[in-house]
Amino acid sequence: MLVFQFSLLSMETPSTSTFLGAVVLLLVLYLVSNSLTRRELRKVPPGPSPLPLLGNLLQLDLKRPYVTLCELSKKHGSVFTVYLGTSRVVVLAGYKAVKEALVNHREEFGDRDISPIFYDLNHGHGILFANGESWKEMRRFALTNLRDFGMGKQLSEHKILEECQYLMEVFEKHQGKPFDTASPVNYATSNIISAIVYGSRFEYNDPQFMSMVERSNESISVVGSVQIQLYNMFPRLVSWTKKRQLLLNNLTRTVRDVKELILHLKDTLHPQFCRGLVDCFLIQMQKDEEACVKDTHYNEKNLIFTVTNLFSAGTDTTATTLRWSLLLMAKYPHIQDQVQEELSRVVGSRQVRVEDRRNLPYTDAVIHETQRLANIVPLAIPHKTSRDVTFQGFFISAGTTVIPLLTSVLRDESEWESPNSFNPSHFLDTEGKFIRRDAFMPFSAGSRACPGESLARMELFLFFTSLLQRFRFTPPPGVKEDDLDLTPAVGFTLTPSPHELCAVSCEGIQNE
């Protein structure tokens, strides 16, 4: 071969040069053709053209990225690519694409993409921001104990109804005058998850409890800030941001408080009687230690971050949805009238129970419509592909960040008659009976769906109906219903903008 190549190179006749040129040309054409064929076989999702280093950053509204992504989906389709800095991200838009990925391809789309800030805060421990066997075991443990201590159990119903009374007492103290519902509602929902995790509730004026709730809400809001999004895109360049330091400081204080609470439970632990999830975890830790289990997932770090994950998620999302429901009742008094009429007719003056839900179709529809329109988690926590997958004709490589655009599901124009309006009829048939809708996906879906969905549904129903039995919610004096602002605040979850409402006792209205 070497002799042959040398002979060809040493020959300088025109015919030889032409021959060599033809060979090179054919080789180039072959490589280009082969490359195009491979690209055609591995067709990647389309998307807007990125800039070097910045990607599509200049095309996104980082305060409300879900709005921009919805607009991009109209041009590029239900599966498209954006670049957040240099990171390639595939966005799934619309009910069909999101369901097919998260449900029908749950294994391929089931890993969690752990952004720099969430790694800083969890280090791969706990439930929300973990992968692999540790995540599987912690999720299984959480689901089992949430079920045993809460979801679907009369014990949980009793805890929620008891907390309803404490919450209504706070509302009563305002005597129908305007107040911000945020703190008391957050305390009430925090106490439900605290009772399940720690085995007991806190007083609303407990300084440690108040601080934990405040830090949790602040951190969830800050995680959605522009500064933290930029840090996630350029972690080495933007690590100095004050928002990141605030989150790390909040974490340090929260871990300190959680360790203190766990230590108290450990000192009073009784192996035959579990007061809550922490007790069960501590007992399993002891069993693994006695059995000399190596590489056990039942360790202090997983305990701390499982507890903090449940506390934050169990507080913010339920409280935010409940606050939206009260705001919407004040804004749409005719809908509030119908809810209260149904409650009065079906339940009367007795305490509402979970079993009443099936006989309160309009009320149930209002709660579901609140969850749909409030859209409090517009971008599901990012997923990551566990392996190469061909999805809807597009090739998505293993390790690709995937964002299921939940807002595009809850407001999918092909699924909802009036997607941008508050319309409880979305969940009612022509006879006024409650109907389930497949595109109702506020808790996400698949293997990463919210583990506390059943508990959250129970809380929303019992808190909402109990409050509507006792109070009528109105805007502050001098403020018209139309003036109530439904624009959400900026944050990782979409909370109502700061506002005040009046909770007027229904007994007082009747006496008038």
Protein backbone atom coordinates (compact mmCIF):
# COMPACT_ATOMS: atom_id res chain seq x y z
CA MET A 1 0.00 0.00 0.00
CA LEU A 2 2.84 2.41 0.91
CA VAL A 3 4.61 1.62 -2.35
CA PHE A 4 1.40 2.23 -4.28
CA GLN A 5 0.76 5.60 -2.54
CA PHE A 6 4.39 6.66 -3.16
CA SER A 7 4.11 5.73 -6.83
CA LEU A 8 0.92 7.76 -7.23
CA LEU A 9 2.41 10.80 -5.52
CA SER A 10 5.60 10.60 -7.57
CA MET A 11 3.67 10.59 -10.82
CA GLU A 12 2.95 14.10 -12.07
CA THR A 13 0.97 13.43 -15.22
CA PRO A 14 -2.35 15.35 -15.66
CA SER A 15 -4.31 12.11 -15.76
CA THR A 16 -2.99 11.16 -12.35
CA SER A 17 -3.89 14.58 -10.82
CA THR A 18 -7.38 14.33 -12.26
CA PHE A 19 -7.73 10.85 -10.85
CA LEU A 20 -6.62 11.99 -7.38
CA GLY A 21 -9.01 14.96 -7.52
CA ALA A 22 -11.87 12.66 -8.43
CA VAL A 23 -11.04 10.32 -5.55
CA VAL A 24 -10.92 13.21 -3.07
CA LEU A 25 -14.19 14.61 -4.41
CA LEU A 26 -15.91 11.23 -4.13
CA LEU A 27 -14.56 10.83 -0.61
CA VAL A 28 -15.92 14.26 0.42
CA LEU A 29 -19.28 13.53 -1.17
CA TYR A 30 -19.41 10.19 0.63
CA LEU A 31 -18.63 11.76 4.01
CA VAL A 32 -21.19 14.56 3.50
CA SER A 33 -23.83 12.09 2.33
CA ASN A 34 -23.11 9.77 5.24
CA SER A 35 -23.28 12.68 7.68
CA LEU A 36 -26.60 13.87 6.25
CA THR A 37 -28.00 10.36 6.38
CA ARG A 38 -26.99 9.99 10.02
CA ARG A 39 -28.46 13.40 10.85
CA GLU A 40 -31.67 12.45 9.06
CA LEU A 41 -31.84 9.20 11.02
CA ARG A 42 -31.11 11.16 14.19
CA LYS A 43 -33.34 14.17 13.60
CA VAL A 44 -33.16 16.45 16.61
CA PRO A 45 -36.06 18.66 17.74
CA PRO A 46 -36.12 22.07 16.00
CA GLY A 47 -35.90 25.39 17.77
CA PRO A 48 -34.76 29.00 17.57
CA SER A 49 -31.18 29.59 16.46
CA PRO A 50 -28.87 30.01 19.47
CA LEU A 51 -26.08 32.54 19.89
CA PRO A 52 -22.59 31.38 20.89
CA LEU A 53 -22.31 30.99 24.70
CA LEU A 54 -25.60 32.82 25.33
CA GLY A 55 -27.79 30.30 23.55
CA ASN A 56 -31.40 31.57 23.40
CA LEU A 57 -31.02 33.68 26.53
CA LEU A 58 -31.94 36.94 24.77
CA GLN A 59 -35.18 35.40 23.47
CA LEU A 60 -36.46 34.38 26.91
CA ASP A 61 -38.27 36.41 29.54
CA LEU A 62 -36.47 35.06 32.61
CA LYS A 63 -39.10 36.52 34.94
CA ARG A 64 -41.78 34.44 33.24
CA PRO A 65 -39.95 31.91 31.04
CA TYR A 66 -43.03 29.70 30.70
CA VAL A 67 -44.76 32.48 28.71
CA THR A 68 -41.89 32.70 26.22
CA LEU A 69 -41.67 28.91 25.89
CA CYS A 70 -45.39 28.69 25.14
CA GLU A 71 -44.96 31.26 22.38
CA LEU A 72 -41.98 29.35 20.95
CA SER A 73 -44.02 26.13 20.90
CA LYS A 74 -46.53 27.77 18.56
CA LYS A 75 -43.74 28.26 16.02
CA HIS A 76 -41.56 25.19 16.58
CA GLY A 77 -44.08 22.54 17.64
CA SER A 78 -44.78 20.45 20.70
CA VAL A 79 -41.21 19.12 20.95
CA PHE A 80 -38.51 21.73 20.46
CA THR A 81 -35.00 22.70 21.51
CA VAL A 82 -33.74 25.78 23.33
CA TYR A 83 -30.29 26.56 24.62
CA LEU A 84 -29.99 27.95 28.14
CA GLY A 85 -26.48 29.29 27.86
CA THR A 86 -24.54 26.38 26.40
CA SER A 87 -26.93 23.74 27.79
CA ARG A 88 -29.27 22.09 25.32
CA VAL A 89 -32.81 21.67 26.64
CA VAL A 90 -35.76 19.92 25.03
CA VAL A 91 -39.17 21.42 25.86
CA LEU A 92 -42.38 19.38 25.74
CA ALA A 93 -45.55 21.41 25.12
CA GLY A 94 -49.21 20.43 25.08
CA TYR A 95 -51.10 17.58 26.72
CA LYS A 96 -50.32 14.88 24.15
CA ALA A 97 -46.55 15.40 24.15
CA VAL A 98 -46.24 15.74 27.93
CA LYS A 99 -48.40 12.71 28.65
CA GLU A 100 -46.67 10.54 26.05
CA ALA A 101 -43.25 11.40 27.49
CA LEU A 102 -44.00 11.21 31.22
CA VAL A 103 -46.45 8.31 31.15
CA ASN A 104 -45.80 6.20 28.05
CA HIS A 105 -42.03 6.74 28.17
CA ARG A 106 -41.66 7.18 31.91
CA GLU A 107 -38.41 5.21 32.07
CA GLU A 108 -36.67 7.20 29.35
CA PHE A 109 -37.83 10.57 30.75
CA GLY A 110 -37.76 9.57 34.42
CA ASP A 111 -34.44 10.93 35.65
CA ARG A 112 -34.17 14.30 37.40
CA ASP A 113 -32.01 17.04 35.95
CA ILE A 114 -30.27 18.54 38.97
CA SER A 115 -29.35 22.14 38.22
CA PRO A 116 -26.38 23.76 39.99
CA ILE A 117 -28.52 25.51 42.63
CA PHE A 118 -30.44 22.35 43.51
CA TYR A 119 -27.20 20.42 43.79
CA ASP A 120 -25.87 23.15 46.10
CA LEU A 121 -28.97 22.77 48.27
CA ASN A 122 -29.48 18.97 48.28
CA HIS A 123 -26.23 17.32 47.10
CA GLY A 124 -28.21 14.48 45.52
CA HIS A 125 -30.03 13.53 48.74
CA GLY A 126 -33.75 13.40 49.55
CA ILE A 127 -36.63 12.96 47.11
CA LEU A 128 -37.02 15.90 44.76
CA PHE A 129 -33.47 16.37 43.51
CA ALA A 130 -31.98 12.89 43.48
CA ASN A 131 -31.57 9.97 41.09
CA GLY A 132 -30.69 6.31 41.16
CA GLU A 133 -31.31 3.80 43.92
CA SER A 134 -31.24 6.40 46.67
CA TRP A 135 -34.09 8.34 45.05
CA LYS A 136 -36.11 5.18 44.42
CA GLU A 137 -35.79 4.07 48.04
CA MET A 138 -36.55 7.51 49.50
CA ARG A 139 -39.59 7.94 47.25
CA ARG A 140 -40.88 4.48 48.16
CA PHE A 141 -40.35 5.25 51.84
CA ALA A 142 -42.10 8.63 51.56
CA LEU A 143 -45.08 7.22 49.65
CA THR A 144 -45.51 4.41 52.17
CA ASN A 145 -45.39 6.71 55.17
CA LEU A 146 -47.49 9.46 53.63
CA ARG A 147 -50.10 6.80 53.03
CA ASP A 148 -49.80 5.31 56.51
CA PHE A 149 -49.82 8.65 58.33
CA GLY A 150 -52.00 10.68 56.04
CA MET A 151 -53.26 10.10 52.55
CA GLY A 152 -56.73 8.62 52.41
CA LYS A 153 -56.86 7.90 56.14
CA GLN A 154 -59.43 9.11 58.67
CA LEU A 155 -56.51 10.12 60.88
CA SER A 156 -55.38 12.63 58.26
CA GLU A 157 -58.90 13.94 57.80
CA HIS A 158 -59.12 14.53 61.53
CA LYS A 159 -55.81 16.41 61.53
CA ILE A 160 -56.91 18.66 58.67
CA LEU A 161 -60.29 19.41 60.20
CA GLU A 162 -58.62 20.23 63.49
CA GLU A 163 -56.24 22.61 61.71
CA CYS A 164 -59.22 24.19 59.92
CA GLN A 165 -60.52 25.30 63.30
CA TYR A 166 -57.21 26.97 64.21
CA LEU A 167 -57.12 28.73 60.84
CA MET A 168 -60.70 29.97 61.12
CA GLU A 169 -59.99 31.35 64.58
CA VAL A 170 -57.22 33.49 63.06
CA PHE A 171 -59.56 34.69 60.32
CA GLU A 172 -62.25 35.51 62.91
CA LYS A 173 -59.86 37.76 64.84
CA HIS A 174 -59.78 40.19 61.91
CA GLN A 175 -63.54 40.78 62.36
CA GLY A 176 -64.23 41.22 58.68
CA LYS A 177 -61.47 43.79 58.15
CA PRO A 178 -58.89 43.45 55.34
CA PHE A 179 -55.87 41.23 56.00
CA ASP A 180 -53.22 39.26 54.11
CA THR A 181 -54.14 35.55 54.05
CA ALA A 182 -50.58 34.41 53.24
CA SER A 183 -49.10 33.73 56.70
CA PRO A 184 -52.04 31.96 58.38
CA VAL A 185 -52.72 29.80 55.33
CA ASN A 186 -49.03 28.86 55.10
CA TYR A 187 -48.96 27.98 58.79
CA ALA A 188 -52.06 25.80 58.45
CA THR A 189 -50.76 23.76 55.52
CA SER A 190 -47.30 23.52 57.11
CA ASN A 191 -48.87 22.03 60.20
CA ILE A 192 -50.45 19.20 58.20
CA ILE A 193 -47.12 18.03 56.78
CA SER A 194 -45.45 18.69 60.16
CA ALA A 195 -47.98 16.44 61.91
CA ILE A 196 -47.25 13.68 59.39
CA VAL A 197 -43.46 14.13 59.45
CA TYR A 198 -42.82 14.98 63.10
CA GLY A 199 -45.98 13.60 64.68
CA SER A 200 -47.19 16.94 66.06
CA ARG A 201 -48.27 20.43 64.98
CA PHE A 202 -46.84 23.81 65.95
CA GLU A 203 -48.49 26.89 67.39
CA TYR A 204 -48.77 29.68 64.83
CA ASN A 205 -46.72 32.00 67.07
CA ASP A 206 -43.89 29.49 67.64
CA PRO A 207 -40.75 31.46 66.61
CA GLN A 208 -38.91 28.42 65.25
CA PHE A 209 -41.93 27.33 63.22
CA MET A 210 -42.58 30.83 61.88
CA SER A 211 -38.96 31.13 60.82
CA MET A 212 -38.95 27.73 59.09
CA VAL A 213 -42.09 28.56 57.10
CA GLU A 214 -40.81 32.02 56.16
CA ARG A 215 -37.45 30.65 54.98
CA SER A 216 -39.12 27.90 52.99
CA ASN A 217 -41.40 30.33 51.16
CA GLU A 218 -38.59 32.79 50.57
CA SER A 219 -36.30 30.12 49.14
CA ILE A 220 -38.94 28.78 46.77
CA SER A 221 -39.54 32.30 45.49
CA VAL A 222 -35.83 33.12 45.11
CA VAL A 223 -35.09 29.88 43.22
CA GLY A 224 -37.23 31.28 40.39
CA SER A 225 -35.44 34.64 40.29
CA VAL A 226 -33.51 35.89 37.28
CA GLN A 227 -30.21 35.79 39.21
CA ILE A 228 -30.56 32.12 40.10
CA GLN A 229 -31.56 31.19 36.56
CA LEU A 230 -28.42 32.91 35.31
CA TYR A 231 -26.39 31.06 37.94
CA ASN A 232 -27.80 27.75 36.69
CA MET A 233 -26.73 28.65 33.15
CA PHE A 234 -23.29 30.04 34.07
CA PRO A 235 -22.44 28.60 37.51
CA ARG A 236 -18.76 29.54 37.40
CA LEU A 237 -19.42 33.12 36.34
CA VAL A 238 -22.44 33.94 38.53
CA SER A 239 -21.67 32.05 41.75
CA TRP A 240 -21.19 35.41 43.50
CA THR A 241 -24.87 36.40 43.28
CA LYS A 242 -26.40 37.44 46.61
CA LYS A 243 -29.50 35.34 45.88
CA ARG A 244 -27.39 32.18 45.93
CA GLN A 245 -25.82 33.16 49.24
CA LEU A 246 -29.28 33.85 50.68
CA LEU A 247 -30.40 30.36 49.70
CA LEU A 248 -27.30 28.77 51.23
CA ASN A 249 -27.79 30.74 54.45
CA ASN A 250 -31.45 29.70 54.61
CA LEU A 251 -30.38 26.09 54.11
CA THR A 252 -27.87 26.25 56.95
CA ARG A 253 -30.48 27.57 59.36
CA THR A 254 -33.13 25.10 58.23
CA VAL A 255 -30.79 22.11 58.59
CA ARG A 256 -29.92 23.30 62.09
CA ASP A 257 -33.63 23.47 63.04
CA VAL A 258 -34.43 20.10 61.48
CA LYS A 259 -31.52 18.44 63.28
CA GLU A 260 -32.79 19.87 66.56
CA LEU A 261 -36.30 18.51 65.97
CA ILE A 262 -34.95 15.11 64.91
CA LEU A 263 -32.71 14.92 67.97
CA HIS A 264 -35.70 15.52 70.26
CA LEU A 265 -37.63 12.75 68.50
CA LYS A 266 -34.61 10.44 68.69
CA ASP A 267 -34.29 11.00 72.45
CA THR A 268 -37.96 10.07 72.95
CA LEU A 269 -38.13 7.31 70.31
CA HIS A 270 -40.17 4.20 71.03
CA PRO A 271 -39.49 1.38 68.52
CA GLN A 272 -43.01 0.01 68.87
CA PHE A 273 -44.80 3.31 68.28
CA CYS A 274 -44.16 5.57 65.30
CA ARG A 275 -45.41 9.12 65.81
CA GLY A 276 -44.54 10.17 62.28
CA LEU A 277 -42.28 9.70 59.28
CA VAL A 278 -39.13 10.72 61.17
CA ASP A 279 -39.69 7.98 63.78
CA CYS A 280 -40.06 5.36 61.04
CA PHE A 281 -36.85 6.56 59.40
CA LEU A 282 -34.92 6.49 62.69
CA ILE A 283 -36.14 2.97 63.44
CA GLN A 284 -35.01 1.78 59.99
CA MET A 285 -31.63 3.45 60.56
CA GLN A 286 -31.25 1.47 63.80
CA LYS A 287 -32.21 -1.79 62.08
CA ASP A 288 -29.68 -1.24 59.28
CA GLU A 289 -26.99 -0.34 61.80
CA GLU A 290 -27.66 -3.45 63.90
CA ALA A 291 -27.65 -5.61 60.76
CA CYS A 292 -24.39 -3.97 59.60
CA VAL A 293 -25.99 -3.02 56.27
CA LYS A 294 -23.40 -1.42 54.05
CA ASP A 295 -24.21 1.56 51.81
CA THR A 296 -27.65 1.95 53.39
CA HIS A 297 -29.80 4.78 52.06
CA TYR A 298 -31.17 5.33 55.55
CA ASN A 299 -28.63 7.88 56.71
CA GLU A 300 -28.78 11.30 58.33
CA LYS A 301 -28.41 13.29 55.10
CA ASN A 302 -31.25 11.48 53.36
CA LEU A 303 -33.40 11.95 56.45
CA ILE A 304 -32.73 15.69 56.67
CA PHE A 305 -33.30 16.38 52.99
CA THR A 306 -36.34 14.11 52.71
CA VAL A 307 -37.88 16.06 55.61
CA THR A 308 -36.99 19.46 54.13
CA ASN A 309 -38.26 18.44 50.68
CA LEU A 310 -41.59 17.30 52.09
CA PHE A 311 -41.93 20.36 54.34
CA SER A 312 -41.27 22.84 51.52
CA ALA A 313 -43.33 21.09 48.85
CA GLY A 314 -46.14 20.23 51.26
CA THR A 315 -46.41 23.82 52.44
CA ASP A 316 -45.96 26.02 49.39
CA THR A 317 -48.05 24.36 46.71
CA THR A 318 -51.13 23.65 48.84
CA ALA A 319 -51.06 27.04 50.57
CA THR A 320 -50.60 28.86 47.26
CA THR A 321 -53.52 27.03 45.66
CA LEU A 322 -55.75 27.74 48.66
CA ARG A 323 -54.85 31.45 48.53
CA TRP A 324 -55.72 31.53 44.84
CA SER A 325 -59.09 29.90 45.59
CA LEU A 326 -60.02 32.59 48.14
CA LEU A 327 -58.87 35.38 45.81
CA LEU A 328 -60.93 33.93 42.95
CA MET A 329 -64.01 33.69 45.19
CA ALA A 330 -63.66 37.37 46.03
CA LYS A 331 -63.19 38.28 42.38
CA TYR A 332 -66.11 36.16 41.13
CA PRO A 333 -68.84 36.51 43.80
CA HIS A 334 -71.46 34.76 41.65
CA ILE A 335 -69.31 31.60 41.72
CA GLN A 336 -68.85 31.99 45.48
CA ASP A 337 -72.64 32.23 45.75
CA GLN A 338 -73.08 28.89 43.97
CA VAL A 339 -70.45 27.17 46.11
CA GLN A 340 -72.04 28.39 49.33
CA GLU A 341 -75.54 27.48 48.13
CA GLU A 342 -74.42 23.93 47.36
CA LEU A 343 -72.65 23.62 50.70
CA SER A 344 -75.71 24.89 52.55
CA ARG A 345 -78.04 22.56 50.66
CA VAL A 346 -75.93 19.39 50.89
CA VAL A 347 -73.99 19.77 54.14
CA GLY A 348 -75.87 22.38 56.12
CA SER A 349 -74.24 23.53 59.35
CA ARG A 350 -72.37 20.32 60.18
CA GLN A 351 -68.66 19.83 59.53
CA VAL A 352 -67.77 18.91 55.94
CA ARG A 353 -66.21 15.46 55.51
CA VAL A 354 -64.13 14.00 52.69
CA GLU A 355 -66.99 11.69 51.78
CA ASP A 356 -69.13 14.76 50.96
CA ARG A 357 -67.04 15.48 47.89
CA ARG A 358 -69.08 13.18 45.64
CA ASN A 359 -72.24 15.12 46.55
CA LEU A 360 -70.65 18.53 45.94
CA PRO A 361 -69.90 18.46 42.20
CA TYR A 362 -69.90 22.23 41.68
CA THR A 363 -67.61 22.86 44.65
CA ASP A 364 -65.28 20.11 43.46
CA ALA A 365 -65.26 21.65 39.97
CA VAL A 366 -64.35 25.06 41.41
CA ILE A 367 -61.38 23.58 43.29
CA HIS A 368 -60.14 21.76 40.18
CA GLU A 369 -60.60 24.85 38.03
CA THR A 370 -58.62 26.88 40.58
CA GLN A 371 -55.74 24.43 40.29
CA ARG A 372 -55.93 24.55 36.50
CA LEU A 373 -56.05 28.32 36.12
CA ALA A 374 -53.65 29.09 38.99
CA ASN A 375 -51.08 26.96 37.22
CA ILE A 376 -48.75 27.25 40.19
CA VAL A 377 -45.95 25.06 38.77
CA PRO A 378 -45.88 26.19 35.12
CA LEU A 379 -42.56 24.45 34.46
CA ALA A 380 -42.32 21.01 36.00
CA ILE A 381 -39.01 20.50 37.80
CA PRO A 382 -36.73 19.57 34.87
CA HIS A 383 -36.31 15.93 33.92
CA LYS A 384 -33.37 14.24 32.22
CA THR A 385 -33.36 11.40 29.72
CA SER A 386 -31.94 8.20 31.19
CA ARG A 387 -30.99 6.84 27.76
CA ASP A 388 -31.20 7.65 24.04
CA VAL A 389 -34.80 7.88 22.89
CA THR A 390 -36.62 8.58 19.64
CA PHE A 391 -39.70 10.58 20.56
CA GLN A 392 -42.34 11.76 18.09
CA GLY A 393 -39.81 11.30 15.29
CA PHE A 394 -37.02 13.21 17.04
CA PHE A 395 -33.82 11.83 18.48
CA ILE A 396 -33.07 12.90 22.06
CA SER A 397 -29.75 11.70 23.45
CA ALA A 398 -29.21 10.33 26.95
CA GLY A 399 -28.56 12.97 29.58
CA THR A 400 -30.58 15.68 27.83
CA THR A 401 -32.43 18.13 30.07
CA VAL A 402 -36.18 17.99 29.41
CA ILE A 403 -38.75 20.56 30.59
CA PRO A 404 -42.39 19.41 30.59
CA LEU A 405 -44.29 22.67 30.11
CA LEU A 406 -47.23 22.02 32.46
CA THR A 407 -48.80 25.40 31.77
CA SER A 408 -49.22 24.34 28.14
CA VAL A 409 -51.16 21.29 29.34
CA LEU A 410 -53.43 23.13 31.76
CA ARG A 411 -54.16 25.74 29.10
CA ASP A 412 -54.04 23.55 26.01
CA GLU A 413 -56.49 25.12 23.55
CA SER A 414 -57.31 21.72 22.08
CA GLU A 415 -58.29 20.34 25.49
CA TRP A 416 -60.07 23.22 27.27
CA GLU A 417 -63.04 25.19 25.97
CA SER A 418 -61.92 28.49 27.51
CA PRO A 419 -58.33 27.87 28.64
CA ASN A 420 -57.58 31.39 29.88
CA SER A 421 -60.81 31.98 31.81
CA PHE A 422 -62.01 30.82 35.23
CA ASN A 423 -64.70 28.37 34.16
CA PRO A 424 -65.77 25.59 36.57
CA SER A 425 -67.87 24.12 33.73
CA HIS A 426 -64.66 22.58 32.45
CA PHE A 427 -65.25 19.88 35.09
CA LEU A 428 -69.03 19.52 34.80
CA ASP A 429 -71.15 17.61 32.30
CA THR A 430 -74.46 18.85 30.90
CA GLU A 431 -76.28 17.47 33.95
CA GLY A 432 -74.01 19.27 36.40
CA LYS A 433 -72.13 16.14 37.46
CA PHE A 434 -68.39 16.29 38.08
CA ILE A 435 -66.21 14.90 35.30
CA ARG A 436 -62.50 14.17 35.30
CA ARG A 437 -60.33 15.60 32.53
CA ASP A 438 -57.23 13.80 31.26
CA ALA A 439 -55.46 17.12 30.66
CA PHE A 440 -55.79 18.07 34.34
CA MET A 441 -52.15 17.61 35.31
CA PRO A 442 -51.19 20.11 38.06
CA PHE A 443 -49.27 17.41 39.97
CA SER A 444 -47.29 16.38 36.87
CA ALA A 445 -47.37 12.70 35.88
CA GLY A 446 -45.33 9.52 35.65
CA SER A 447 -42.58 8.41 37.99
CA ARG A 448 -41.85 11.98 39.12
CA ALA A 449 -45.45 12.95 39.90
CA CYS A 450 -46.01 14.67 43.25
CA PRO A 451 -45.94 11.96 45.95
CA GLY A 452 -48.31 13.98 48.13
CA GLU A 453 -51.07 14.42 45.53
CA SER A 454 -53.76 12.58 47.51
CA LEU A 455 -52.94 14.48 50.68
CA ALA A 456 -52.96 17.82 48.84
CA ARG A 457 -56.34 17.05 47.27
CA MET A 458 -57.79 16.24 50.69
CA GLU A 459 -56.35 19.40 52.22
CA LEU A 460 -57.66 21.66 49.46
CA PHE A 461 -61.15 20.21 49.69
CA LEU A 462 -61.46 20.36 53.48
CA PHE A 463 -59.81 23.75 53.96
CA PHE A 464 -61.74 25.37 51.09
CA THR A 465 -65.16 24.02 52.04
CA SER A 466 -64.68 24.73 55.77
CA LEU A 467 -63.69 28.32 55.07
CA LEU A 468 -66.55 28.88 52.62
CA GLN A 469 -69.02 27.51 55.15
CA ARG A 470 -67.90 30.06 57.74
CA PHE A 471 -66.91 33.14 55.70
CA ARG A 472 -67.74 35.20 52.68
CA PHE A 473 -64.61 36.59 51.02
CA THR A 474 -64.73 40.10 49.57
CA PRO A 475 -62.28 42.76 48.37
CA PRO A 476 -61.28 45.48 50.86
CA PRO A 477 -63.71 48.42 51.13
CA GLY A 478 -63.43 50.70 48.11
CA VAL A 479 -61.92 47.98 45.90
CA LYS A 480 -64.09 46.50 43.15
CA GLU A 481 -64.00 42.82 42.20
CA ASP A 482 -62.66 43.75 38.76
CA ASP A 483 -59.73 45.52 40.40
CA LEU A 484 -58.44 42.36 42.09
CA ASP A 485 -55.22 41.49 40.26
CA LEU A 486 -54.72 37.89 39.10
CA THR A 487 -51.17 38.51 37.86
CA PRO A 488 -48.92 36.06 39.73
CA ALA A 489 -45.78 37.12 41.55
CA VAL A 490 -42.43 36.12 40.10
CA GLY A 491 -41.02 32.93 41.60
CA PHE A 492 -40.40 29.23 41.12
CA THR A 493 -44.10 28.71 41.92
CA LEU A 494 -46.76 31.20 40.90
CA THR A 495 -48.17 32.76 44.06
CA PRO A 496 -50.80 35.53 44.02
CA SER A 497 -49.43 39.06 44.03
CA PRO A 498 -49.60 40.65 47.51
CA HIS A 499 -53.20 41.46 48.38
CA GLU A 500 -55.69 41.67 51.22
CA LEU A 501 -59.17 40.20 51.55
CA CYS A 502 -62.04 40.53 54.00
CA ALA A 503 -63.35 37.32 55.61
CA VAL A 504 -66.86 38.25 56.67
CA SER A 505 -68.62 35.77 58.97
CA CYS A 506 -71.59 34.17 57.23
CA GLU A 507 -73.48 34.28 60.53
CA GLY A 508 -73.03 38.03 60.62
CA ILE A 509 -74.36 38.32 57.07
CA GLN A 510 -77.45 36.25 57.93
CA ASN A 511 -78.11 38.36 61.03
CA GLU A 512 -78.00 41.51 58.97
